[in-house]
C-alpha cells in the first residue's frame, strides 16, 4: 500500500465545497459548566442528518469516486456510523450499499442502516477488523470505502477543523475521539496547517486504547479490546497505515475510564441538552479531567447514536421505565 498522506488545506477546502449540499455546518457551543478546568466548547456533530460526522467523509469519497465504479454500488466496514454515512449517500445517489459490521454493533445503528436501505453482513470482531486491514471483503462487489485510511474520507473529516478555526480562532486545544484515526488526523491536518501552535489530542477509553499504548511503545502494538457502551471508538490496534500520521499530527492520547465517560455523557444531557453516544462523550470526559489543559478546549461530539437501553443504563434508569 502506498504511503498515506495527510490531506492538504486545498483538498480539505475542495471537500467542503463538494459536501456543502449534504453535510451541515454544525454549531460550536460552550459547555454550561462554571467550574470546569477550561473553557470547554462542544462541536455538535451529533446534529448531522445521520447523527454523526461520518456524513462528511463518506460524501467526499463518493463524490470523488469514478462514476462507473460507483454505479456498481458501495460497501464499507463499520460499527455503525460510517455505515450510515455510506448508506445515506448511496440512497441519495440511487446505488446499493452493503455494510460489514461487528457482531456487537448496537441495534440503534443497525436499525438506522436498514432504514437507509443498507444491506448488513455481521462478522466476529476479529474478522471485521481484518476487512479494515485488508481494505477488502471477499466475494463482495462494489467500491470499498474505507472508514478511516482513505485520503478523501480524511479530507471530508478535515472540514470540521476549518469550521472550528473560523468559529473560535483563538482555540488552544482540540480533543477528538479516536477510533481509527481518520477523524482526528483529518481535523489535525486542517488545524496544524492554519494554527500550528494548537494542540490536538485523541480521546480513548481505558478498555480500548491502542493509540495510547502505541505512543508509549513508539510503535504499533496490539492490546486487549473490551466492548462497552463506548462502541464508536476503540479497537485492538492502530492500523499500520495510520500510525505515522497519528504519531506526527497528534499531541498524544487522553485516556478516561468508562465511569468518567458515562458521567460526561450525563453532564452533556443535563447542562446542554446534548445527546451524545459514548464515543462522542469521551473527549468531554478528557477535558473535564483537566488532562487537555486550560484555555479554550474544543471537544468534538462525534455522534449521538446510542441505544436507548445503553443510555438508560448509563443514566441509572431501570429498564422499561
Protein backbone atom coordinates (compact mmCIF):
# COMPACT_ATOMS: atom_id res chain seq x y z
CA UNK A 1 0.00 0.00 0.00
CA UNK A 2 1.29 3.48 -0.89
CA UNK A 3 2.27 5.77 1.98
CA UNK A 4 -0.81 7.55 3.27
CA UNK A 5 -0.52 11.33 3.23
CA UNK A 6 -2.39 13.86 5.28
CA UNK A 7 -4.88 15.90 3.24
CA UNK A 8 -3.76 19.38 2.26
CA UNK A 9 -5.70 22.55 3.03
CA UNK A 10 -6.60 22.79 -0.66
CA UNK A 11 -8.04 19.24 -0.57
CA UNK A 12 -9.99 20.00 2.59
CA UNK A 13 -11.37 23.23 1.14
CA UNK A 14 -12.39 21.37 -2.02
CA UNK A 15 -14.10 18.73 0.13
CA UNK A 16 -16.08 21.44 1.90
CA UNK A 17 -17.43 22.67 -1.43
CA UNK A 18 -18.40 19.13 -2.51
CA UNK A 19 -20.34 18.24 0.64
CA UNK A 20 -21.94 21.65 1.23
CA UNK A 21 -25.29 20.44 -0.02
CA UNK A 22 -25.46 17.41 2.29
CA UNK A 23 -23.39 17.82 5.46
CA UNK A 24 -24.41 20.52 7.93
CA UNK A 25 -22.10 23.17 9.28
CA UNK A 26 -22.67 22.17 12.89
CA UNK A 27 -22.71 24.67 15.78
CA UNK A 28 -19.94 25.23 18.29
CA UNK A 29 -21.35 25.92 21.77
CA UNK A 30 -19.90 26.47 25.24
CA UNK A 31 -20.36 23.72 27.81
CA UNK A 32 -22.62 25.11 30.54
CA UNK A 33 -20.33 24.37 33.47
CA UNK A 34 -18.85 27.18 35.55
CA UNK A 35 -16.27 25.14 37.47
CA UNK A 36 -14.71 23.30 34.53
CA UNK A 37 -10.88 23.23 34.35
CA UNK A 38 -11.02 25.07 31.00
CA UNK A 39 -13.37 26.94 28.68
CA UNK A 40 -14.88 23.83 27.11
CA UNK A 41 -16.63 24.09 23.76
CA UNK A 42 -18.67 21.42 22.01
CA UNK A 43 -18.59 20.80 18.25
CA UNK A 44 -22.00 19.18 17.77
CA UNK A 45 -21.55 16.61 15.01
CA UNK A 46 -24.35 14.61 16.62
CA UNK A 47 -26.67 17.07 14.81
CA UNK A 48 -25.74 15.80 11.34
CA UNK A 49 -28.66 14.16 9.43
CA UNK A 50 -27.34 10.71 10.39
CA UNK A 51 -26.35 11.75 13.93
CA UNK A 52 -22.63 11.54 13.20
CA UNK A 53 -19.70 13.29 11.47
CA UNK A 54 -19.31 10.33 9.09
CA UNK A 55 -21.55 12.02 6.55
CA UNK A 56 -18.66 14.34 5.69
CA UNK A 57 -16.00 11.80 4.78
CA UNK A 58 -18.36 9.38 3.09
CA UNK A 59 -19.86 12.15 0.98
CA UNK A 60 -16.48 13.45 -0.18
CA UNK A 61 -15.15 9.98 -1.01
CA UNK A 62 -18.22 9.11 -3.06
CA UNK A 63 -18.15 12.48 -4.86
CA UNK A 64 -14.57 11.78 -5.94
CA UNK A 65 -15.15 8.15 -6.96
CA UNK A 66 -15.11 7.00 -10.57
CA UNK A 67 -18.77 7.11 -11.73
CA UNK A 68 -18.55 3.71 -13.43
CA UNK A 69 -17.20 2.02 -10.28
CA UNK A 70 -19.71 3.87 -8.15
CA UNK A 71 -22.62 2.65 -10.29
CA UNK A 72 -21.91 -0.92 -9.15
CA UNK A 73 -22.61 0.03 -5.55
CA UNK A 74 -20.53 0.68 -2.47
CA UNK A 75 -19.62 -1.12 0.73
CA UNK A 76 -17.76 -0.37 3.93
CA UNK A 77 -16.80 -1.91 7.26
CA UNK A 78 -18.22 -0.03 10.20
CA UNK A 79 -19.55 -0.39 13.73
CA UNK A 80 -22.45 1.78 12.65
CA UNK A 81 -21.77 5.44 11.93
CA UNK A 82 -19.70 5.20 8.74
CA UNK A 83 -22.22 2.59 7.63
CA UNK A 84 -24.93 5.23 7.91
CA UNK A 85 -22.80 7.82 6.13
CA UNK A 86 -22.23 5.49 3.20
CA UNK A 87 -25.83 4.24 3.11
CA UNK A 88 -27.24 7.79 3.33
CA UNK A 89 -25.13 8.98 0.41
CA UNK A 90 -25.80 5.80 -1.57
CA UNK A 91 -29.54 6.28 -1.22
CA UNK A 92 -29.14 9.89 -2.37
CA UNK A 93 -27.26 8.65 -5.46
CA UNK A 94 -29.59 5.72 -6.10
CA UNK A 95 -26.97 2.98 -5.74
CA UNK A 96 -26.86 -0.11 -3.47
CA UNK A 97 -24.85 -0.14 -0.24
CA UNK A 98 -23.59 -3.04 1.86
CA UNK A 99 -22.09 -2.80 5.33
CA UNK A 100 -19.85 -5.28 7.15
CA UNK A 101 -20.49 -4.81 10.89
CA UNK A 102 -19.01 -6.40 14.03
CA UNK A 103 -21.33 -8.69 15.96
CA UNK A 104 -21.52 -6.22 18.88
CA UNK A 105 -22.77 -3.33 16.70
CA UNK A 106 -25.59 -1.55 18.56
CA UNK A 107 -29.17 -2.11 17.47
CA UNK A 108 -29.83 1.61 17.12
CA UNK A 109 -27.16 1.87 14.44
CA UNK A 110 -28.22 -1.36 12.72
CA UNK A 111 -31.81 -0.14 12.54
CA UNK A 112 -30.64 3.14 11.04
CA UNK A 113 -28.60 1.32 8.37
CA UNK A 114 -31.67 -0.74 7.47
CA UNK A 115 -33.87 2.38 7.28
CA UNK A 116 -31.40 3.88 4.84
CA UNK A 117 -31.59 0.80 2.63
CA UNK A 118 -28.21 -0.69 3.50
CA UNK A 119 -27.62 -4.45 3.43
CA UNK A 120 -25.97 -5.70 6.64
CA UNK A 121 -23.41 -8.51 6.99
CA UNK A 122 -22.39 -9.39 10.56
CA UNK A 123 -18.94 -10.79 11.34
CA UNK A 124 -17.00 -11.58 14.54
CA UNK A 125 -14.95 -8.60 15.67
CA UNK A 126 -11.58 -10.04 14.57
CA UNK A 127 -12.88 -10.87 11.09
CA UNK A 128 -14.50 -7.46 10.82
CA UNK A 129 -11.23 -5.78 11.80
CA UNK A 130 -9.45 -7.77 9.09
CA UNK A 131 -11.65 -6.10 6.48
CA UNK A 132 -10.28 -2.75 7.66
CA UNK A 133 -6.73 -4.09 7.47
CA UNK A 134 -7.15 -5.63 4.02
CA UNK A 135 -9.44 -2.95 2.51
CA UNK A 136 -11.49 -5.78 1.05
CA UNK A 137 -14.23 -8.30 1.86
CA UNK A 138 -14.04 -11.50 -0.21
CA UNK A 139 -16.94 -12.02 -2.60
CA UNK A 140 -18.35 -8.52 -2.17
CA UNK A 141 -18.88 -6.49 -5.32
CA UNK A 142 -18.80 -2.72 -5.50
CA UNK A 143 -16.48 0.06 -4.44
CA UNK A 144 -14.98 -0.29 -0.96
CA UNK A 145 -14.94 2.94 1.03
CA UNK A 146 -12.57 2.68 3.96
CA UNK A 147 -13.96 4.42 7.06
CA UNK A 148 -10.53 5.57 8.21
CA UNK A 149 -7.50 5.40 5.92
CA UNK A 150 -8.93 6.96 2.78
CA UNK A 151 -7.47 10.38 1.85
CA UNK A 152 -10.86 11.58 0.59
CA UNK A 153 -12.55 10.50 3.83
CA UNK A 154 -9.92 12.30 5.91
CA UNK A 155 -10.29 15.43 3.78
CA UNK A 156 -14.05 15.38 4.38
CA UNK A 157 -13.47 14.98 8.11
CA UNK A 158 -10.95 17.81 7.97
CA UNK A 159 -13.73 20.27 7.11
CA UNK A 160 -14.57 20.22 10.82
CA UNK A 161 -11.16 21.75 11.50
CA UNK A 162 -11.87 24.62 9.11
CA UNK A 163 -15.14 25.37 10.89
CA UNK A 164 -13.54 25.24 14.33
CA UNK A 165 -10.94 27.86 13.48
CA UNK A 166 -13.49 30.10 11.79
CA UNK A 167 -15.81 29.96 14.81
CA UNK A 168 -13.11 30.05 17.51
CA UNK A 169 -9.86 31.40 16.02
CA UNK A 170 -8.13 31.57 19.42
CA UNK A 171 -8.77 27.97 20.43
CA UNK A 172 -5.90 26.31 22.31
CA UNK A 173 -6.74 22.62 22.15
CA UNK A 174 -8.95 20.21 20.22
CA UNK A 175 -9.88 16.81 21.64
CA UNK A 176 -11.14 14.23 19.14
CA UNK A 177 -12.45 10.69 19.77
CA UNK A 178 -10.03 8.13 18.29
CA UNK A 179 -11.47 5.11 16.52
CA UNK A 180 -9.09 4.51 13.64
CA UNK A 181 -7.65 8.00 13.31
CA UNK A 182 -9.50 9.25 10.25
CA UNK A 183 -11.36 11.94 12.20
CA UNK A 184 -8.53 13.10 14.44
CA UNK A 185 -5.92 13.12 11.66
CA UNK A 186 -8.32 14.84 9.27
CA UNK A 187 -9.09 17.61 11.76
CA UNK A 188 -5.43 17.86 12.76
CA UNK A 189 -4.40 18.29 9.12
CA UNK A 190 -6.51 21.44 8.90
CA UNK A 191 -5.68 22.83 12.33
CA UNK A 192 -1.93 22.19 12.06
CA UNK A 193 -1.80 23.99 8.70
CA UNK A 194 -3.72 27.04 9.89
CA UNK A 195 -2.76 27.24 13.57
CA UNK A 196 0.41 25.20 14.25
CA UNK A 197 0.55 26.17 17.93
CA UNK A 198 -2.76 24.48 18.74
CA UNK A 199 -2.76 21.09 20.44
CA UNK A 200 -4.78 18.17 19.07
CA UNK A 201 -5.36 15.17 21.31
CA UNK A 202 -7.02 11.85 20.70
CA UNK A 203 -9.59 10.67 23.25
CA UNK A 204 -9.72 6.98 24.17
CA UNK A 205 -11.27 4.90 26.95
CA UNK A 206 -9.27 2.53 29.14
CA UNK A 207 -10.95 -0.58 27.77
CA UNK A 208 -9.89 0.16 24.18
CA UNK A 209 -6.89 2.50 23.91
CA UNK A 210 -4.50 1.19 21.24
CA UNK A 211 -3.12 4.63 20.36
CA UNK A 212 -2.06 5.40 23.93
CA UNK A 213 -0.30 2.04 24.14
CA UNK A 214 1.35 2.51 20.75
CA UNK A 215 2.57 6.01 21.58
CA UNK A 216 4.05 4.70 24.83
CA UNK A 217 5.89 1.97 22.91
CA UNK A 218 6.71 4.28 19.97
CA UNK A 219 5.41 1.56 17.67
CA UNK A 220 2.02 0.00 16.87
CA UNK A 221 1.08 -2.60 19.47
CA UNK A 222 -1.83 -4.97 19.95
CA UNK A 223 -3.99 -4.61 23.05
CA UNK A 224 -6.88 -6.46 24.62
CA UNK A 225 -10.12 -4.89 23.39
CA UNK A 226 -13.18 -4.93 25.67
CA UNK A 227 -16.56 -3.96 24.14
CA UNK A 228 -18.57 -1.41 26.11
CA UNK A 229 -21.23 1.26 25.67
CA UNK A 230 -18.44 3.29 24.02
CA UNK A 231 -18.83 1.39 20.76
CA UNK A 232 -17.87 4.06 18.22
CA UNK A 233 -14.16 4.13 19.09
CA UNK A 234 -11.53 1.65 20.18
CA UNK A 235 -10.03 -1.49 18.71
CA UNK A 236 -7.27 -4.00 19.26
CA UNK A 237 -4.64 -1.95 17.44
CA UNK A 238 -3.76 1.04 15.30
CA UNK A 239 -3.93 0.48 11.54
CA UNK A 240 -0.36 0.36 10.22
CA UNK A 241 -1.01 2.97 7.53
CA UNK A 242 -2.48 5.38 10.08
CA UNK A 243 0.28 5.07 12.66
CA UNK A 244 2.77 7.51 11.02
CA UNK A 245 0.07 10.15 10.62
CA UNK A 246 -1.27 9.77 14.17
CA UNK A 247 2.22 9.97 15.65
CA UNK A 248 3.07 13.07 13.58
CA UNK A 249 -0.18 15.02 13.79
CA UNK A 250 -1.48 14.32 17.31
CA UNK A 251 -0.01 15.57 20.58
CA UNK A 252 -1.00 12.43 22.42
CA UNK A 253 -3.89 10.31 23.64
CA UNK A 254 -6.01 11.20 26.66
CA UNK A 255 -7.44 8.11 28.33
CA UNK A 256 -10.51 8.13 30.52
CA UNK A 257 -12.43 5.44 32.36
CA UNK A 258 -15.87 4.20 31.39
CA UNK A 259 -17.24 5.80 34.54
CA UNK A 260 -15.77 9.19 33.60
CA UNK A 261 -17.19 8.88 30.10
CA UNK A 262 -20.61 7.95 31.46
CA UNK A 263 -20.55 10.99 33.76
CA UNK A 264 -19.62 13.22 30.83
CA UNK A 265 -22.49 11.81 28.76
CA UNK A 266 -24.90 12.51 31.60
CA UNK A 267 -23.49 16.01 32.10
CA UNK A 268 -23.98 16.84 28.41
CA UNK A 269 -27.64 15.92 28.73
CA UNK A 270 -28.18 17.82 31.96
CA UNK A 271 -26.31 21.04 31.17
CA UNK A 272 -26.59 21.43 27.39
CA UNK A 273 -29.42 19.06 26.43
CA UNK A 274 -26.97 17.30 24.11
CA UNK A 275 -27.38 13.59 23.50
CA UNK A 276 -24.01 12.00 22.78
CA UNK A 277 -23.06 8.39 22.26
CA UNK A 278 -20.17 7.05 24.32
CA UNK A 279 -17.55 7.98 21.74
CA UNK A 280 -18.97 11.48 21.47
CA UNK A 281 -18.65 11.98 25.23
CA UNK A 282 -15.10 10.62 25.50
CA UNK A 283 -13.39 13.89 24.58
CA UNK A 284 -15.58 15.81 27.01
CA UNK A 285 -14.60 13.38 29.76
CA UNK A 286 -10.93 14.02 28.99
CA UNK A 287 -11.41 17.79 29.07
CA UNK A 288 -13.33 17.63 32.35
CA UNK A 289 -10.48 15.67 33.94
CA UNK A 290 -8.11 18.54 33.22
CA UNK A 291 -5.90 16.38 31.00
CA UNK A 292 -6.49 18.63 27.98
CA UNK A 293 -5.15 21.64 29.84
CA UNK A 294 -6.64 25.07 30.42
CA UNK A 295 -7.56 27.79 27.96
CA UNK A 296 -10.11 27.21 25.21
CA UNK A 297 -10.65 23.49 24.66
CA UNK A 298 -12.88 22.19 21.88
CA UNK A 299 -14.36 18.71 22.23
CA UNK A 300 -15.70 17.09 19.08
CA UNK A 301 -19.00 15.41 19.95
CA UNK A 302 -18.62 12.95 17.10
CA UNK A 303 -22.06 11.35 17.26
CA UNK A 304 -25.25 10.79 19.20
CA UNK A 305 -26.33 7.32 18.08
CA UNK A 306 -26.73 5.42 21.32
CA UNK A 307 -29.12 2.55 22.05
CA UNK A 308 -31.86 3.54 24.50
CA UNK A 309 -31.09 0.55 26.70
CA UNK A 310 -27.45 1.60 26.94
CA UNK A 311 -28.49 5.18 27.61
CA UNK A 312 -30.83 4.08 30.40
CA UNK A 313 -28.02 2.01 31.90
CA UNK A 314 -25.62 4.96 31.83
CA UNK A 315 -28.24 7.25 33.37
CA UNK A 316 -29.21 4.69 36.00
CA UNK A 317 -32.78 4.41 34.73
CA UNK A 318 -34.39 0.98 35.32
CA UNK A 319 -35.01 -0.92 32.08
CA UNK A 320 -38.56 -0.46 30.84
CA UNK A 321 -39.13 2.62 32.98
